[in-house]
N, C-alpha and C. Protein backbone atom coordinates (compact mmCIF):
# COMPACT_ATOMS: atom_id res chain seq x y z
N UNK A 1 10.84 14.93 -1.68
CA UNK A 1 9.74 14.24 -1.08
C UNK A 1 8.85 15.22 -0.34
N UNK A 2 8.47 16.27 -1.03
CA UNK A 2 7.66 17.32 -0.43
C UNK A 2 6.30 16.82 0.03
N UNK A 3 5.86 15.69 -0.50
CA UNK A 3 4.53 15.19 -0.18
C UNK A 3 4.50 14.32 1.07
N UNK A 4 5.65 14.04 1.67
CA UNK A 4 5.71 13.25 2.89
C UNK A 4 5.92 14.16 4.09
N UNK A 5 5.33 13.78 5.21
CA UNK A 5 5.56 14.56 6.42
C UNK A 5 7.01 14.37 6.87
N UNK A 6 7.51 15.32 7.62
CA UNK A 6 8.88 15.25 8.14
C UNK A 6 9.07 14.00 8.99
N UNK A 7 8.09 13.68 9.82
CA UNK A 7 8.17 12.50 10.69
C UNK A 7 8.22 11.21 9.86
N UNK A 8 7.42 11.14 8.80
CA UNK A 8 7.44 9.95 7.94
C UNK A 8 8.80 9.80 7.28
N UNK A 9 9.36 10.90 6.79
CA UNK A 9 10.70 10.85 6.18
C UNK A 9 11.72 10.33 7.19
N UNK A 10 11.65 10.82 8.43
CA UNK A 10 12.57 10.36 9.48
C UNK A 10 12.43 8.86 9.71
N UNK A 11 11.20 8.38 9.79
CA UNK A 11 10.95 6.95 10.02
C UNK A 11 11.49 6.12 8.87
N UNK A 12 11.23 6.56 7.63
CA UNK A 12 11.70 5.82 6.46
C UNK A 12 13.22 5.78 6.41
N UNK A 13 13.87 6.90 6.68
CA UNK A 13 15.34 6.95 6.66
C UNK A 13 15.92 6.06 7.75
N UNK A 14 15.34 6.11 8.95
CA UNK A 14 15.81 5.25 10.04
C UNK A 14 15.64 3.77 9.69
N UNK A 15 14.65 3.46 8.85
CA UNK A 15 14.41 2.07 8.44
C UNK A 15 15.29 1.67 7.26
N UNK A 16 16.12 2.60 6.75
CA UNK A 16 17.06 2.26 5.69
C UNK A 16 16.76 2.83 4.32
N UNK A 17 15.71 3.62 4.21
CA UNK A 17 15.35 4.22 2.92
C UNK A 17 16.34 5.32 2.57
N UNK A 18 16.69 5.39 1.29
CA UNK A 18 17.58 6.44 0.78
C UNK A 18 16.77 7.28 -0.21
N UNK A 19 16.47 8.53 0.12
CA UNK A 19 15.58 9.36 -0.69
C UNK A 19 16.00 9.53 -2.16
N UNK A 20 17.28 9.54 -2.44
CA UNK A 20 17.73 9.77 -3.82
C UNK A 20 18.04 8.49 -4.58
N UNK A 21 17.79 7.35 -3.96
CA UNK A 21 18.08 6.06 -4.60
C UNK A 21 16.83 5.52 -5.28
N UNK A 22 16.97 5.14 -6.54
CA UNK A 22 15.87 4.48 -7.25
C UNK A 22 16.29 3.04 -7.51
N UNK A 23 15.35 2.12 -7.35
CA UNK A 23 15.70 0.72 -7.56
C UNK A 23 15.38 0.30 -8.99
N UNK A 24 16.09 -0.71 -9.45
CA UNK A 24 15.87 -1.28 -10.77
C UNK A 24 14.65 -2.20 -10.68
N UNK A 25 13.66 -1.93 -11.48
CA UNK A 25 12.40 -2.68 -11.40
C UNK A 25 12.23 -3.72 -12.50
N UNK A 26 13.25 -3.96 -13.31
CA UNK A 26 13.09 -4.88 -14.44
C UNK A 26 12.55 -6.24 -14.01
N UNK A 27 13.14 -6.86 -12.99
CA UNK A 27 12.68 -8.18 -12.54
C UNK A 27 11.27 -8.12 -11.97
N UNK A 28 10.99 -7.07 -11.22
CA UNK A 28 9.66 -6.93 -10.61
C UNK A 28 8.59 -6.72 -11.68
N UNK A 29 8.87 -5.87 -12.65
CA UNK A 29 7.90 -5.64 -13.74
C UNK A 29 7.67 -6.93 -14.51
N UNK A 30 8.72 -7.67 -14.81
CA UNK A 30 8.57 -8.94 -15.53
C UNK A 30 7.74 -9.92 -14.70
N UNK A 31 7.98 -9.96 -13.40
CA UNK A 31 7.21 -10.82 -12.50
C UNK A 31 5.73 -10.46 -12.55
N UNK A 32 5.42 -9.17 -12.42
CA UNK A 32 4.02 -8.73 -12.43
C UNK A 32 3.37 -8.97 -13.78
N UNK A 33 4.09 -8.72 -14.86
CA UNK A 33 3.54 -8.97 -16.20
C UNK A 33 3.30 -10.46 -16.41
N UNK A 34 4.18 -11.31 -15.90
CA UNK A 34 3.99 -12.76 -16.01
C UNK A 34 2.74 -13.21 -15.26
N UNK A 35 2.36 -12.46 -14.23
CA UNK A 35 1.12 -12.76 -13.49
C UNK A 35 -0.12 -12.27 -14.23
N UNK A 36 0.07 -11.46 -15.28
CA UNK A 36 -1.06 -10.96 -16.05
C UNK A 36 -1.37 -9.50 -15.83
N UNK A 37 -0.55 -8.81 -15.05
CA UNK A 37 -0.77 -7.38 -14.80
C UNK A 37 -0.18 -6.54 -15.92
N UNK A 38 -0.87 -5.44 -16.24
CA UNK A 38 -0.32 -4.38 -17.08
C UNK A 38 0.14 -3.31 -16.09
N UNK A 39 1.43 -3.19 -15.91
CA UNK A 39 1.99 -2.34 -14.86
C UNK A 39 1.85 -0.88 -15.25
N UNK A 40 1.15 -0.10 -14.43
CA UNK A 40 0.92 1.30 -14.73
C UNK A 40 1.89 2.21 -13.99
N UNK A 41 1.92 3.48 -14.42
CA UNK A 41 2.90 4.45 -13.93
C UNK A 41 2.88 4.62 -12.41
N UNK A 42 1.69 4.62 -11.80
CA UNK A 42 1.62 4.83 -10.35
C UNK A 42 2.38 3.73 -9.60
N UNK A 43 2.36 2.52 -10.12
CA UNK A 43 3.09 1.41 -9.50
C UNK A 43 4.59 1.58 -9.72
N UNK A 44 4.98 1.91 -10.95
CA UNK A 44 6.40 2.13 -11.26
C UNK A 44 6.96 3.24 -10.37
N UNK A 45 6.24 4.35 -10.27
CA UNK A 45 6.71 5.48 -9.45
C UNK A 45 6.89 5.07 -7.99
N UNK A 46 5.90 4.41 -7.42
CA UNK A 46 5.97 4.02 -6.00
C UNK A 46 7.08 3.01 -5.76
N UNK A 47 7.14 1.97 -6.58
CA UNK A 47 8.13 0.92 -6.36
C UNK A 47 9.55 1.41 -6.63
N UNK A 48 9.73 2.30 -7.59
CA UNK A 48 11.09 2.77 -7.88
C UNK A 48 11.64 3.61 -6.73
N UNK A 49 10.78 4.28 -6.00
CA UNK A 49 11.23 5.11 -4.87
C UNK A 49 11.23 4.38 -3.53
N UNK A 50 10.27 3.47 -3.33
CA UNK A 50 10.10 2.86 -2.01
C UNK A 50 10.16 1.34 -2.01
N UNK A 51 10.32 0.73 -3.17
CA UNK A 51 10.28 -0.73 -3.27
C UNK A 51 11.57 -1.42 -2.89
N UNK A 52 11.48 -2.75 -2.84
CA UNK A 52 12.65 -3.58 -2.61
C UNK A 52 13.17 -3.59 -1.19
N UNK A 53 12.40 -3.09 -0.25
CA UNK A 53 12.89 -2.96 1.13
C UNK A 53 11.75 -3.21 2.10
N UNK A 54 12.11 -3.84 3.23
CA UNK A 54 11.16 -3.97 4.33
C UNK A 54 11.45 -2.85 5.32
N UNK A 55 10.42 -2.13 5.68
CA UNK A 55 10.54 -1.02 6.62
C UNK A 55 10.11 -1.51 8.00
N UNK A 56 11.02 -1.41 8.97
CA UNK A 56 10.73 -1.82 10.34
C UNK A 56 10.93 -0.61 11.24
N UNK A 57 9.96 -0.40 12.12
CA UNK A 57 10.04 0.74 13.04
C UNK A 57 9.12 0.47 14.22
N UNK A 58 9.25 1.28 15.25
CA UNK A 58 8.45 1.07 16.45
C UNK A 58 7.13 1.83 16.41
N UNK A 59 6.08 1.12 16.76
CA UNK A 59 4.76 1.68 16.95
C UNK A 59 4.84 2.58 18.19
N UNK A 60 3.98 3.59 18.31
CA UNK A 60 4.03 4.44 19.51
C UNK A 60 3.96 3.68 20.84
N UNK A 61 3.34 2.50 20.84
CA UNK A 61 3.29 1.72 22.09
C UNK A 61 4.55 0.88 22.31
N UNK A 62 5.53 1.00 21.39
CA UNK A 62 6.79 0.29 21.52
C UNK A 62 6.87 -1.01 20.74
N UNK A 63 5.75 -1.51 20.24
CA UNK A 63 5.77 -2.75 19.48
C UNK A 63 6.35 -2.51 18.08
N UNK A 64 6.87 -3.57 17.49
CA UNK A 64 7.48 -3.47 16.16
C UNK A 64 6.40 -3.43 15.09
N UNK A 65 6.58 -2.56 14.12
CA UNK A 65 5.67 -2.46 12.97
C UNK A 65 6.50 -2.65 11.71
N UNK A 66 5.91 -3.29 10.71
CA UNK A 66 6.61 -3.49 9.44
C UNK A 66 5.66 -3.32 8.26
N UNK A 67 6.25 -2.94 7.14
CA UNK A 67 5.59 -3.00 5.84
C UNK A 67 6.67 -3.10 4.79
N UNK A 68 6.30 -3.57 3.61
CA UNK A 68 7.26 -3.61 2.51
C UNK A 68 6.55 -3.43 1.18
N UNK A 69 7.32 -3.00 0.20
CA UNK A 69 6.85 -2.88 -1.18
C UNK A 69 7.68 -3.83 -2.04
N UNK A 70 7.43 -5.12 -1.86
CA UNK A 70 8.10 -6.18 -2.61
C UNK A 70 7.01 -7.13 -3.11
N UNK A 71 6.48 -6.90 -4.32
CA UNK A 71 5.37 -7.71 -4.82
C UNK A 71 5.65 -9.21 -4.81
N UNK A 72 6.88 -9.59 -5.14
CA UNK A 72 7.22 -11.01 -5.20
C UNK A 72 7.02 -11.68 -3.84
N UNK A 73 7.34 -11.00 -2.76
CA UNK A 73 7.14 -11.56 -1.42
C UNK A 73 5.67 -11.57 -1.02
N UNK A 74 4.94 -10.54 -1.42
CA UNK A 74 3.52 -10.46 -1.06
C UNK A 74 2.72 -11.57 -1.74
N UNK A 75 3.05 -11.85 -2.99
CA UNK A 75 2.31 -12.85 -3.76
C UNK A 75 2.81 -14.25 -3.47
N UNK A 76 4.13 -14.41 -3.42
CA UNK A 76 4.72 -15.73 -3.20
C UNK A 76 4.23 -16.74 -4.21
N UNK A 77 4.09 -17.97 -3.80
CA UNK A 77 3.57 -19.03 -4.66
C UNK A 77 2.10 -19.27 -4.41
N UNK A 78 1.49 -18.44 -3.60
CA UNK A 78 0.13 -18.69 -3.14
C UNK A 78 -0.93 -18.00 -3.98
N UNK A 79 -0.74 -16.73 -4.30
CA UNK A 79 -1.78 -15.94 -4.95
C UNK A 79 -1.62 -15.89 -6.47
N UNK A 80 -2.76 -15.74 -7.13
CA UNK A 80 -2.83 -15.47 -8.56
C UNK A 80 -3.56 -14.15 -8.74
N UNK A 81 -3.40 -13.53 -9.89
CA UNK A 81 -4.07 -12.25 -10.17
C UNK A 81 -5.59 -12.39 -9.98
N UNK A 82 -6.13 -13.53 -10.38
CA UNK A 82 -7.58 -13.76 -10.29
C UNK A 82 -8.10 -13.71 -8.86
N UNK A 83 -7.22 -13.94 -7.89
CA UNK A 83 -7.64 -13.90 -6.49
C UNK A 83 -8.06 -12.51 -6.05
N UNK A 84 -7.70 -11.49 -6.84
CA UNK A 84 -7.96 -10.11 -6.44
C UNK A 84 -8.99 -9.40 -7.33
N UNK A 85 -9.60 -10.12 -8.26
CA UNK A 85 -10.57 -9.53 -9.18
C UNK A 85 -11.74 -8.91 -8.42
N UNK A 86 -12.19 -9.58 -7.37
CA UNK A 86 -13.31 -9.06 -6.56
C UNK A 86 -13.01 -7.65 -6.05
N UNK A 87 -11.78 -7.42 -5.64
CA UNK A 87 -11.41 -6.12 -5.09
C UNK A 87 -11.33 -5.05 -6.18
N UNK A 88 -10.90 -5.44 -7.37
CA UNK A 88 -10.91 -4.50 -8.50
C UNK A 88 -12.34 -4.08 -8.81
N UNK A 89 -13.27 -5.02 -8.75
CA UNK A 89 -14.67 -4.70 -9.00
C UNK A 89 -15.20 -3.73 -7.93
N UNK A 90 -14.76 -3.91 -6.70
CA UNK A 90 -15.24 -3.04 -5.62
C UNK A 90 -14.70 -1.62 -5.73
N UNK A 91 -13.45 -1.47 -6.18
CA UNK A 91 -12.89 -0.12 -6.29
C UNK A 91 -13.07 0.47 -7.69
N UNK A 92 -13.58 -0.35 -8.60
CA UNK A 92 -13.90 0.08 -9.97
C UNK A 92 -12.70 0.56 -10.76
N UNK A 93 -11.55 -0.05 -10.51
CA UNK A 93 -10.35 0.20 -11.31
C UNK A 93 -9.34 -0.91 -11.05
N UNK A 94 -8.41 -1.09 -11.98
CA UNK A 94 -7.41 -2.15 -11.82
C UNK A 94 -6.53 -1.92 -10.59
N UNK A 95 -6.12 -3.02 -9.99
CA UNK A 95 -5.21 -3.01 -8.83
C UNK A 95 -4.01 -3.90 -9.14
N UNK A 96 -2.86 -3.53 -8.58
CA UNK A 96 -1.66 -4.36 -8.69
C UNK A 96 -1.11 -4.57 -7.28
N UNK A 97 -0.79 -5.82 -6.97
CA UNK A 97 -0.18 -6.15 -5.68
C UNK A 97 1.20 -5.51 -5.62
N UNK A 98 1.48 -4.78 -4.53
CA UNK A 98 2.78 -4.12 -4.40
C UNK A 98 3.53 -4.47 -3.11
N UNK A 99 2.87 -5.08 -2.13
CA UNK A 99 3.57 -5.39 -0.89
C UNK A 99 2.63 -5.84 0.21
N UNK A 100 3.12 -5.72 1.44
CA UNK A 100 2.35 -6.09 2.62
C UNK A 100 2.53 -5.05 3.71
N UNK A 101 1.54 -4.95 4.58
CA UNK A 101 1.59 -4.00 5.70
C UNK A 101 1.17 -4.70 6.98
N UNK A 102 1.41 -4.01 8.09
CA UNK A 102 1.03 -4.48 9.41
C UNK A 102 1.52 -5.90 9.67
N UNK A 103 2.85 -6.04 9.59
CA UNK A 103 3.53 -7.31 9.88
C UNK A 103 3.02 -8.44 9.00
N UNK A 104 2.70 -8.13 7.75
CA UNK A 104 2.25 -9.14 6.80
C UNK A 104 0.78 -9.48 6.89
N UNK A 105 0.02 -8.76 7.68
CA UNK A 105 -1.40 -9.06 7.84
C UNK A 105 -2.28 -8.49 6.74
N UNK A 106 -1.79 -7.52 5.99
CA UNK A 106 -2.54 -6.96 4.87
C UNK A 106 -1.70 -6.99 3.61
N UNK A 107 -2.31 -7.38 2.51
CA UNK A 107 -1.67 -7.29 1.20
C UNK A 107 -1.99 -5.91 0.65
N UNK A 108 -0.98 -5.21 0.15
CA UNK A 108 -1.19 -3.85 -0.38
C UNK A 108 -1.26 -3.86 -1.90
N UNK A 109 -2.10 -2.96 -2.41
CA UNK A 109 -2.30 -2.76 -3.84
C UNK A 109 -2.18 -1.28 -4.16
N UNK A 110 -1.81 -0.99 -5.40
CA UNK A 110 -1.92 0.37 -5.92
C UNK A 110 -2.85 0.29 -7.11
N UNK A 111 -3.80 1.23 -7.16
CA UNK A 111 -4.77 1.28 -8.26
C UNK A 111 -4.19 2.07 -9.42
N UNK A 112 -4.86 1.99 -10.54
CA UNK A 112 -4.41 2.73 -11.72
C UNK A 112 -4.36 4.22 -11.45
N UNK A 113 -5.28 4.74 -10.63
CA UNK A 113 -5.30 6.17 -10.31
C UNK A 113 -4.28 6.53 -9.22
N UNK A 114 -3.60 5.53 -8.65
CA UNK A 114 -2.57 5.78 -7.65
C UNK A 114 -3.00 5.59 -6.21
N UNK A 115 -4.28 5.26 -5.97
CA UNK A 115 -4.74 5.02 -4.61
C UNK A 115 -4.09 3.76 -4.06
N UNK A 116 -3.86 3.74 -2.76
CA UNK A 116 -3.22 2.59 -2.12
C UNK A 116 -4.23 1.93 -1.19
N UNK A 117 -4.40 0.62 -1.38
CA UNK A 117 -5.35 -0.17 -0.61
C UNK A 117 -4.64 -1.34 0.05
N UNK A 118 -5.28 -1.91 1.05
CA UNK A 118 -4.81 -3.14 1.65
C UNK A 118 -5.99 -4.07 1.87
N UNK A 119 -5.73 -5.37 1.84
CA UNK A 119 -6.80 -6.34 2.07
C UNK A 119 -6.37 -7.35 3.10
N UNK A 120 -7.35 -7.77 3.87
CA UNK A 120 -7.19 -8.85 4.82
C UNK A 120 -8.47 -9.66 4.72
N UNK A 121 -8.36 -10.89 4.25
CA UNK A 121 -9.56 -11.68 4.01
C UNK A 121 -10.41 -11.00 2.96
N UNK A 122 -11.67 -10.73 3.30
CA UNK A 122 -12.57 -10.06 2.37
C UNK A 122 -12.70 -8.58 2.65
N UNK A 123 -11.98 -8.09 3.65
CA UNK A 123 -12.03 -6.67 4.00
C UNK A 123 -11.02 -5.90 3.17
N UNK A 124 -11.43 -4.71 2.74
CA UNK A 124 -10.57 -3.84 1.95
C UNK A 124 -10.41 -2.52 2.69
N UNK A 125 -9.19 -2.04 2.77
CA UNK A 125 -8.86 -0.82 3.50
C UNK A 125 -8.18 0.16 2.55
N UNK A 126 -8.42 1.43 2.77
CA UNK A 126 -7.77 2.46 1.96
C UNK A 126 -6.71 3.15 2.81
N UNK A 127 -5.46 3.09 2.33
CA UNK A 127 -4.35 3.75 3.03
C UNK A 127 -4.23 5.21 2.61
N UNK A 128 -4.56 5.52 1.35
CA UNK A 128 -4.44 6.90 0.91
C UNK A 128 -4.74 7.06 -0.57
N UNK A 129 -4.89 8.31 -0.98
CA UNK A 129 -5.16 8.62 -2.39
C UNK A 129 -3.91 8.56 -3.25
N UNK A 130 -2.73 8.48 -2.62
CA UNK A 130 -1.47 8.31 -3.35
C UNK A 130 -0.46 7.66 -2.41
N UNK A 131 0.71 7.34 -2.93
CA UNK A 131 1.72 6.65 -2.13
C UNK A 131 2.17 7.48 -0.94
N UNK A 132 2.22 8.79 -1.08
CA UNK A 132 2.69 9.65 0.01
C UNK A 132 1.70 9.67 1.17
N UNK A 133 0.43 9.79 0.85
CA UNK A 133 -0.60 9.74 1.90
C UNK A 133 -0.61 8.37 2.56
N UNK A 134 -0.42 7.32 1.76
CA UNK A 134 -0.38 5.96 2.31
C UNK A 134 0.80 5.78 3.25
N UNK A 135 1.96 6.31 2.88
CA UNK A 135 3.13 6.20 3.75
C UNK A 135 2.92 6.96 5.05
N UNK A 136 2.30 8.12 4.98
CA UNK A 136 1.97 8.84 6.21
C UNK A 136 1.03 8.02 7.08
N UNK A 137 0.04 7.38 6.47
CA UNK A 137 -0.89 6.54 7.22
C UNK A 137 -0.16 5.38 7.88
N UNK A 138 0.72 4.72 7.13
CA UNK A 138 1.45 3.57 7.66
C UNK A 138 2.43 3.96 8.76
N UNK A 139 3.15 5.05 8.56
CA UNK A 139 4.21 5.43 9.50
C UNK A 139 3.71 6.20 10.71
N UNK A 140 2.65 6.96 10.54
CA UNK A 140 2.19 7.83 11.62
C UNK A 140 0.97 7.30 12.34
N UNK A 141 0.45 6.15 11.89
CA UNK A 141 -0.72 5.54 12.51
C UNK A 141 -1.84 6.55 12.63
N UNK A 142 -2.10 7.24 11.52
CA UNK A 142 -3.11 8.29 11.51
C UNK A 142 -4.46 7.76 11.96
N UNK A 143 -5.09 8.52 12.79
CA UNK A 143 -6.44 8.19 13.24
C UNK A 143 -7.29 9.42 13.07
N UNK A 144 -8.23 9.32 12.17
CA UNK A 144 -9.08 10.48 11.89
C UNK A 144 -10.51 10.26 12.35
N UNK A 145 -10.77 9.14 13.00
CA UNK A 145 -12.12 8.87 13.49
C UNK A 145 -13.06 8.46 12.38
N UNK A 146 -14.31 8.81 12.55
CA UNK A 146 -15.34 8.44 11.59
C UNK A 146 -15.56 9.61 10.65
N UNK A 147 -15.45 9.36 9.37
CA UNK A 147 -15.58 10.41 8.35
C UNK A 147 -16.60 10.03 7.30
N UNK A 148 -16.89 10.96 6.46
CA UNK A 148 -17.68 10.72 5.25
C UNK A 148 -16.80 11.07 4.07
N UNK A 149 -16.75 10.19 3.09
CA UNK A 149 -15.98 10.43 1.87
C UNK A 149 -16.85 10.02 0.70
N UNK A 150 -17.21 10.96 -0.13
CA UNK A 150 -18.09 10.66 -1.26
C UNK A 150 -19.33 9.89 -0.80
N UNK A 151 -19.94 10.36 0.27
CA UNK A 151 -21.17 9.77 0.83
C UNK A 151 -20.98 8.34 1.32
N UNK A 152 -19.75 7.92 1.59
CA UNK A 152 -19.51 6.57 2.08
C UNK A 152 -18.95 6.63 3.49
N UNK A 153 -19.42 5.72 4.33
CA UNK A 153 -18.88 5.65 5.69
C UNK A 153 -17.50 5.03 5.63
N UNK A 154 -16.58 5.61 6.37
CA UNK A 154 -15.23 5.07 6.48
C UNK A 154 -14.96 4.84 7.96
N UNK A 155 -14.62 3.62 8.29
CA UNK A 155 -14.26 3.30 9.67
C UNK A 155 -12.75 3.21 9.75
N UNK A 156 -12.18 3.77 10.78
CA UNK A 156 -10.74 3.70 10.92
C UNK A 156 -10.37 2.50 11.78
N UNK A 157 -9.44 1.72 11.31
CA UNK A 157 -8.97 0.55 12.04
C UNK A 157 -7.45 0.52 11.96
N UNK A 158 -6.78 0.68 13.09
CA UNK A 158 -5.33 0.65 13.15
C UNK A 158 -4.69 1.60 12.14
N UNK A 159 -5.27 2.78 11.98
CA UNK A 159 -4.67 3.77 11.09
C UNK A 159 -4.98 3.56 9.63
N UNK A 160 -5.85 2.62 9.31
CA UNK A 160 -6.18 2.33 7.92
C UNK A 160 -7.66 2.60 7.71
N UNK A 161 -8.01 3.34 6.66
CA UNK A 161 -9.41 3.65 6.38
C UNK A 161 -10.09 2.42 5.80
N UNK A 162 -11.02 1.85 6.56
CA UNK A 162 -11.78 0.70 6.06
C UNK A 162 -12.98 1.23 5.30
N UNK A 163 -13.05 0.88 4.04
CA UNK A 163 -14.15 1.34 3.22
C UNK A 163 -15.31 0.38 3.38
N UNK A 164 -16.45 0.90 3.75
CA UNK A 164 -17.57 0.06 4.11
C UNK A 164 -18.47 -0.23 2.91
N UNK A 165 -18.74 0.74 2.08
CA UNK A 165 -19.67 0.51 0.99
C UNK A 165 -19.00 -0.25 -0.15
N UNK A 166 -19.79 -0.69 -1.11
CA UNK A 166 -19.26 -1.39 -2.27
C UNK A 166 -18.67 -0.43 -3.30
N UNK A 167 -18.97 0.85 -3.18
CA UNK A 167 -18.49 1.84 -4.14
C UNK A 167 -17.35 2.64 -3.51
N UNK A 168 -16.14 2.42 -3.98
CA UNK A 168 -14.97 3.04 -3.37
C UNK A 168 -14.51 4.28 -4.10
N UNK A 169 -15.22 4.77 -5.06
CA UNK A 169 -14.76 5.92 -5.84
C UNK A 169 -14.78 7.16 -5.04
């Protein structure tokens, strides 16, 4: 796990993650395919290493923080694939629901290119360009202030990059 910070690895292990354990994704892949998703490699890679578990740990202020990579729990009986088409149009690539973050307040997606996003209502947030950057964002509550990325304003909110423009590339 060379792509994760030492602190993130510590947090994940304390939350019950086993670095050398891969989970069986047969049921999850069948579930996602039944919803109409074509499951791509970036999703398989992320879920096989980090899926099937809820990660609980303390925020620096002492409050409890959670996230999970369990698509079945994130979707439940409430959402359909069509509910997320708007977000695919905004990021200009397919997205697959993979879990929830911030105590269930954001639904997480992984794009075909491997980027990790979260949504709350109509707002879309970028956690990272890959699962490792996203895990660092989630575990370390990264705050980078106001940045420019591909000429787009990014506002930081609770450690998550909120993409402001309609073009997320």
